[in-house]
Amino acid sequence: MLSFAKIKQVVDSDSPSAHAEGEYSLNDCLHTGVNLYPNLFKPLVQFRKNAVAYTEDVKQAYLQILIDPEDRRFTKFFWIEDLNSDKLCVLNFTRVLFGLKPSPYLLAATLKHHFEKYQHLFPETYEVWKNSFWVDDLIGGVDDLETALIISIESVEVIKKSGMVLRK
């Protein structure tokens, strides 16, 4: 009987073996994108100075973002279906990969898109999102529990509407 465990795929996009003269790693060929993250100082200070601190995390954030079908051809990789065979399959990724140079930008742009989409419903919480999200974590603090709960509930709702899960 075969037993299978979850496999976590690791992509070495900075592979030093590709750094021979005239050769490039995958990350060498990719654009980083602009930095959409706020200065981390403010959310950390808010986290520490206020009576109520909060933190939430987007579950498997990078894996929640689909790669456009037209761009998937750039994410090809080899896979061995049968370890007793030399036959290789050529597959491609359908989700954003952790470890690629543009991945943080793609995540930030996706979250920003969803926050802006619901800004009219949750204007106060939107202001929190703009300054309190760092990669896939919402971090900050407020003076009272009621405000923290409102931020949490509204954040969970927006992330859920975007097809993701906010947890912690």
C-alpha atoms as a PDB file:
ATOM      1  CA  MET A   1       0.000   0.000   0.000  1.00  0.00           C
ATOM      2  CA  LEU A   2       1.338   3.427  -0.946  1.00  0.00           C
ATOM      3  CA  SER A   3       1.269   6.276   1.507  1.00  0.00           C
ATOM      4  CA  PHE A   4       1.380   9.849   0.286  1.00  0.00           C
ATOM      5  CA  ALA A   5       2.289  12.957   2.210  1.00  0.00           C
ATOM      6  CA  LYS A   6       1.664  16.531   1.193  1.00  0.00           C
ATOM      7  CA  ILE A   7       4.423  17.795  -1.054  1.00  0.00           C
ATOM      8  CA  LYS A   8       5.554  21.371  -0.728  1.00  0.00           C
ATOM      9  CA  GLN A   9       7.061  22.464  -4.010  1.00  0.00           C
ATOM     10  CA  VAL A  10      10.217  24.550  -3.704  1.00  0.00           C
ATOM     11  CA  VAL A  11      11.386  26.598  -6.659  1.00  0.00           C
ATOM     12  CA  ASP A  12      15.006  27.722  -6.553  1.00  0.00           C
ATOM     13  CA  SER A  13      14.661  30.765  -8.767  1.00  0.00           C
ATOM     14  CA  ASP A  14      18.080  32.084  -7.719  1.00  0.00           C
ATOM     15  CA  SER A  15      19.897  28.857  -8.534  1.00  0.00           C
ATOM     16  CA  PRO A  16      23.654  29.486  -8.306  1.00  0.00           C
ATOM     17  CA  SER A  17      24.254  26.742 -10.883  1.00  0.00           C
ATOM     18  CA  ALA A  18      22.738  29.067 -13.493  1.00  0.00           C
ATOM     19  CA  HIS A  19      25.239  31.801 -12.722  1.00  0.00           C
ATOM     20  CA  ALA A  20      27.959  30.719 -15.093  1.00  0.00           C
ATOM     21  CA  GLU A  21      29.198  33.509 -17.320  1.00  0.00           C
ATOM     22  CA  GLY A  22      26.464  34.572 -19.719  1.00  0.00           C
ATOM     23  CA  GLU A  23      23.779  32.545 -17.942  1.00  0.00           C
ATOM     24  CA  TYR A  24      21.013  33.837 -15.713  1.00  0.00           C
ATOM     25  CA  SER A  25      18.760  32.536 -12.994  1.00  0.00           C
ATOM     26  CA  LEU A  26      15.001  32.861 -13.363  1.00  0.00           C
ATOM     27  CA  ASN A  27      14.913  35.785 -10.922  1.00  0.00           C
ATOM     28  CA  ASP A  28      17.607  37.565 -12.942  1.00  0.00           C
ATOM     29  CA  CYS A  29      15.102  37.713 -15.810  1.00  0.00           C
ATOM     30  CA  LEU A  30      12.083  38.903 -13.819  1.00  0.00           C
ATOM     31  CA  HIS A  31      10.975  42.418 -12.878  1.00  0.00           C
ATOM     32  CA  THR A  32      10.358  43.002  -9.178  1.00  0.00           C
ATOM     33  CA  GLY A  33       7.477  45.431  -9.525  1.00  0.00           C
ATOM     34  CA  VAL A  34       6.975  48.512  -7.396  1.00  0.00           C
ATOM     35  CA  ASN A  35       6.941  48.312  -3.609  1.00  0.00           C
ATOM     36  CA  LEU A  36       3.296  48.572  -2.546  1.00  0.00           C
ATOM     37  CA  TYR A  37       3.974  47.804   1.118  1.00  0.00           C
ATOM     38  CA  PRO A  38       3.692  50.532   3.747  1.00  0.00           C
ATOM     39  CA  ASN A  39       6.559  51.427   6.011  1.00  0.00           C
ATOM     40  CA  LEU A  40       6.575  48.631   8.601  1.00  0.00           C
ATOM     41  CA  PHE A  41       7.363  51.025  11.443  1.00  0.00           C
ATOM     42  CA  LYS A  42       3.814  52.420  11.804  1.00  0.00           C
ATOM     43  CA  PRO A  43       1.936  49.092  12.088  1.00  0.00           C
ATOM     44  CA  LEU A  44       4.501  47.784  14.568  1.00  0.00           C
ATOM     45  CA  VAL A  45       4.202  50.902  16.720  1.00  0.00           C
ATOM     46  CA  GLN A  46       0.380  50.660  16.550  1.00  0.00           C
ATOM     47  CA  PHE A  47       0.673  47.013  17.545  1.00  0.00           C
ATOM     48  CA  ARG A  48       2.699  47.920  20.648  1.00  0.00           C
ATOM     49  CA  LYS A  49       1.285  51.245  21.834  1.00  0.00           C
ATOM     50  CA  ASN A  50      -2.468  50.629  21.831  1.00  0.00           C
ATOM     51  CA  ALA A  51      -4.547  48.719  24.353  1.00  0.00           C
ATOM     52  CA  VAL A  52      -5.688  46.089  21.811  1.00  0.00           C
ATOM     53  CA  ALA A  53      -3.299  44.513  19.320  1.00  0.00           C
ATOM     54  CA  TYR A  54      -4.429  42.403  16.371  1.00  0.00           C
ATOM     55  CA  THR A  55      -2.789  40.222  13.791  1.00  0.00           C
ATOM     56  CA  GLU A  56      -4.280  38.148  11.013  1.00  0.00           C
ATOM     57  CA  ASP A  57      -2.777  36.162   8.165  1.00  0.00           C
ATOM     58  CA  VAL A  58      -3.997  35.364   4.652  1.00  0.00           C
ATOM     59  CA  LYS A  59      -3.886  31.559   4.512  1.00  0.00           C
ATOM     60  CA  GLN A  60      -1.522  30.318   1.788  1.00  0.00           C
ATOM     61  CA  ALA A  61      -1.655  33.750   0.206  1.00  0.00           C
ATOM     62  CA  TYR A  62       0.541  33.123  -2.830  1.00  0.00           C
ATOM     63  CA  LEU A  63      -1.263  29.905  -3.672  1.00  0.00           C
ATOM     64  CA  GLN A  64      -4.571  31.787  -3.777  1.00  0.00           C
ATOM     65  CA  ILE A  65      -3.528  33.914  -6.752  1.00  0.00           C
ATOM     66  CA  LEU A  66      -4.064  32.392 -10.182  1.00  0.00           C
ATOM     67  CA  ILE A  67      -1.577  32.976 -12.975  1.00  0.00           C
ATOM     68  CA  ASP A  68      -3.237  34.198 -16.157  1.00  0.00           C
ATOM     69  CA  PRO A  69      -3.586  31.210 -18.539  1.00  0.00           C
ATOM     70  CA  GLU A  70      -1.629  33.094 -21.218  1.00  0.00           C
ATOM     71  CA  ASP A  71       1.313  33.519 -18.823  1.00  0.00           C
ATOM     72  CA  ARG A  72       1.424  29.936 -17.559  1.00  0.00           C
ATOM     73  CA  ARG A  73       3.658  28.882 -20.439  1.00  0.00           C
ATOM     74  CA  PHE A  74       6.448  30.778 -18.656  1.00  0.00           C
ATOM     75  CA  THR A  75       6.136  28.575 -15.568  1.00  0.00           C
ATOM     76  CA  LYS A  76       6.960  25.207 -17.107  1.00  0.00           C
ATOM     77  CA  PHE A  77       8.809  22.569 -15.127  1.00  0.00           C
ATOM     78  CA  PHE A  78       9.687  18.904 -15.428  1.00  0.00           C
ATOM     79  CA  TRP A  79       7.935  16.235 -13.371  1.00  0.00           C
ATOM     80  CA  ILE A  80       8.731  12.544 -13.016  1.00  0.00           C
ATOM     81  CA  GLU A  81       5.530  10.531 -12.716  1.00  0.00           C
ATOM     82  CA  ASP A  82       7.274   7.206 -12.203  1.00  0.00           C
ATOM     83  CA  LEU A  83      10.567   7.127 -10.317  1.00  0.00           C
ATOM     84  CA  ASN A  84      11.443   3.888 -12.121  1.00  0.00           C
ATOM     85  CA  SER A  85      11.202   5.577 -15.515  1.00  0.00           C
ATOM     86  CA  ASP A  86      13.272   8.220 -17.282  1.00  0.00           C
ATOM     87  CA  LYS A  87      10.147   9.740 -18.789  1.00  0.00           C
ATOM     88  CA  LEU A  88       9.642  13.405 -17.911  1.00  0.00           C
ATOM     89  CA  CYS A  89       6.360  15.278 -18.060  1.00  0.00           C
ATOM     90  CA  VAL A  90       6.278  18.988 -18.813  1.00  0.00           C
ATOM     91  CA  LEU A  91       3.821  20.787 -16.551  1.00  0.00           C
ATOM     92  CA  ASN A  92       3.237  24.413 -15.636  1.00  0.00           C
ATOM     93  CA  PHE A  93       2.205  26.244 -12.516  1.00  0.00           C
ATOM     94  CA  THR A  94      -1.255  27.745 -12.235  1.00  0.00           C
ATOM     95  CA  ARG A  95      -0.614  29.763  -9.047  1.00  0.00           C
ATOM     96  CA  VAL A  96       1.865  32.480  -8.080  1.00  0.00           C
ATOM     97  CA  LEU A  97       5.083  30.946  -6.813  1.00  0.00           C
ATOM     98  CA  PHE A  98       6.650  31.819  -3.496  1.00  0.00           C
ATOM     99  CA  GLY A  99      10.265  32.866  -4.034  1.00  0.00           C
ATOM    100  CA  LEU A 100       9.977  34.556  -7.406  1.00  0.00           C
ATOM    101  CA  LYS A 101      11.101  38.163  -7.545  1.00  0.00           C
ATOM    102  CA  PRO A 102       7.680  39.597  -8.535  1.00  0.00           C
ATOM    103  CA  SER A 103       5.622  37.448  -6.135  1.00  0.00           C
ATOM    104  CA  PRO A 104       5.467  40.003  -3.279  1.00  0.00           C
ATOM    105  CA  TYR A 105       4.312  42.662  -5.732  1.00  0.00           C
ATOM    106  CA  LEU A 106       1.668  40.350  -7.231  1.00  0.00           C
ATOM    107  CA  LEU A 107       0.310  39.570  -3.763  1.00  0.00           C
ATOM    108  CA  ALA A 108       0.298  43.224  -2.680  1.00  0.00           C
ATOM    109  CA  ALA A 109      -1.384  44.329  -5.918  1.00  0.00           C
ATOM    110  CA  THR A 110      -4.030  41.611  -5.563  1.00  0.00           C
ATOM    111  CA  LEU A 111      -4.819  42.544  -1.955  1.00  0.00           C
ATOM    112  CA  LYS A 112      -4.846  46.254  -2.827  1.00  0.00           C
ATOM    113  CA  HIS A 113      -7.285  45.563  -5.666  1.00  0.00           C
ATOM    114  CA  HIS A 114      -9.703  43.773  -3.335  1.00  0.00           C
ATOM    115  CA  PHE A 115      -9.398  46.385  -0.577  1.00  0.00           C
ATOM    116  CA  GLU A 116     -10.105  49.189  -3.041  1.00  0.00           C
ATOM    117  CA  LYS A 117     -13.024  47.234  -4.491  1.00  0.00           C
ATOM    118  CA  TYR A 118     -14.745  47.276  -1.069  1.00  0.00           C
ATOM    119  CA  GLN A 119     -13.483  50.656   0.134  1.00  0.00           C
ATOM    120  CA  HIS A 120     -16.965  52.176  -0.183  1.00  0.00           C
ATOM    121  CA  LEU A 121     -18.429  49.539   2.165  1.00  0.00           C
ATOM    122  CA  PHE A 122     -15.731  49.769   4.844  1.00  0.00           C
ATOM    123  CA  PRO A 123     -14.060  53.209   4.613  1.00  0.00           C
ATOM    124  CA  GLU A 124     -12.555  53.219   8.133  1.00  0.00           C
ATOM    125  CA  THR A 125     -11.218  49.687   7.819  1.00  0.00           C
ATOM    126  CA  TYR A 126      -9.862  50.540   4.358  1.00  0.00           C
ATOM    127  CA  GLU A 127      -7.648  53.195   5.983  1.00  0.00           C
ATOM    128  CA  VAL A 128      -6.346  50.507   8.346  1.00  0.00           C
ATOM    129  CA  TRP A 129      -5.631  48.127   5.442  1.00  0.00           C
ATOM    130  CA  LYS A 130      -3.616  50.750   3.571  1.00  0.00           C
ATOM    131  CA  ASN A 131      -1.161  51.075   6.451  1.00  0.00           C
ATOM    132  CA  SER A 132      -1.301  47.732   8.245  1.00  0.00           C
ATOM    133  CA  PHE A 133      -0.838  44.943   5.694  1.00  0.00           C
ATOM    134  CA  TRP A 134       2.670  43.584   5.395  1.00  0.00           C
ATOM    135  CA  VAL A 135       2.990  40.797   2.806  1.00  0.00           C
ATOM    136  CA  ASP A 136       0.127  38.510   3.922  1.00  0.00           C
ATOM    137  CA  ASP A 137      -0.220  39.751   7.509  1.00  0.00           C
ATOM    138  CA  LEU A 138      -2.535  42.391   8.930  1.00  0.00           C
ATOM    139  CA  ILE A 139      -0.863  43.884  12.009  1.00  0.00           C
ATOM    140  CA  GLY A 140      -1.806  46.812  14.158  1.00  0.00           C
ATOM    141  CA  GLY A 141      -3.497  48.036  17.272  1.00  0.00           C
ATOM    142  CA  VAL A 142      -6.401  50.176  18.412  1.00  0.00           C
ATOM    143  CA  ASP A 143      -7.665  51.652  21.665  1.00  0.00           C
ATOM    144  CA  ASP A 144     -10.696  49.423  22.178  1.00  0.00           C
ATOM    145  CA  LEU A 145     -11.855  45.871  21.592  1.00  0.00           C
ATOM    146  CA  GLU A 146     -14.963  46.911  19.632  1.00  0.00           C
ATOM    147  CA  THR A 147     -12.881  48.675  16.953  1.00  0.00           C
ATOM    148  CA  ALA A 148     -10.525  45.695  16.733  1.00  0.00           C
ATOM    149  CA  LEU A 149     -13.492  43.349  16.224  1.00  0.00           C
ATOM    150  CA  ILE A 150     -14.955  45.562  13.495  1.00  0.00           C
ATOM    151  CA  ILE A 151     -11.605  45.653  11.676  1.00  0.00           C
ATOM    152  CA  SER A 152     -11.299  41.882  12.014  1.00  0.00           C
ATOM    153  CA  ILE A 153     -14.852  41.104  10.844  1.00  0.00           C
ATOM    154  CA  GLU A 154     -14.677  43.475   7.877  1.00  0.00           C
ATOM    155  CA  SER A 155     -11.221  42.214   6.901  1.00  0.00           C
ATOM    156  CA  VAL A 156     -12.352  38.590   7.012  1.00  0.00           C
ATOM    157  CA  GLU A 157     -15.382  39.479   4.870  1.00  0.00           C
ATOM    158  CA  VAL A 158     -13.358  41.246   2.161  1.00  0.00           C
ATOM    159  CA  ILE A 159     -10.703  38.533   2.016  1.00  0.00           C
ATOM    160  CA  LYS A 160     -13.458  35.895   1.845  1.00  0.00           C
ATOM    161  CA  LYS A 161     -15.154  37.747  -1.045  1.00  0.00           C
ATOM    162  CA  SER A 162     -11.808  37.662  -2.846  1.00  0.00           C
ATOM    163  CA  GLY A 163     -11.700  33.864  -2.518  1.00  0.00           C
ATOM    164  CA  MET A 164      -9.100  33.749   0.253  1.00  0.00           C
ATOM    165  CA  VAL A 165      -9.130  33.011   3.977  1.00  0.00           C
ATOM    166  CA  LEU A 166      -7.968  35.372   6.726  1.00  0.00           C
ATOM    167  CA  ARG A 167      -7.025  33.589   9.945  1.00  0.00           C
ATOM    168  CA  LYS A 168      -5.311  33.805  13.372  1.00  0.00           C
END
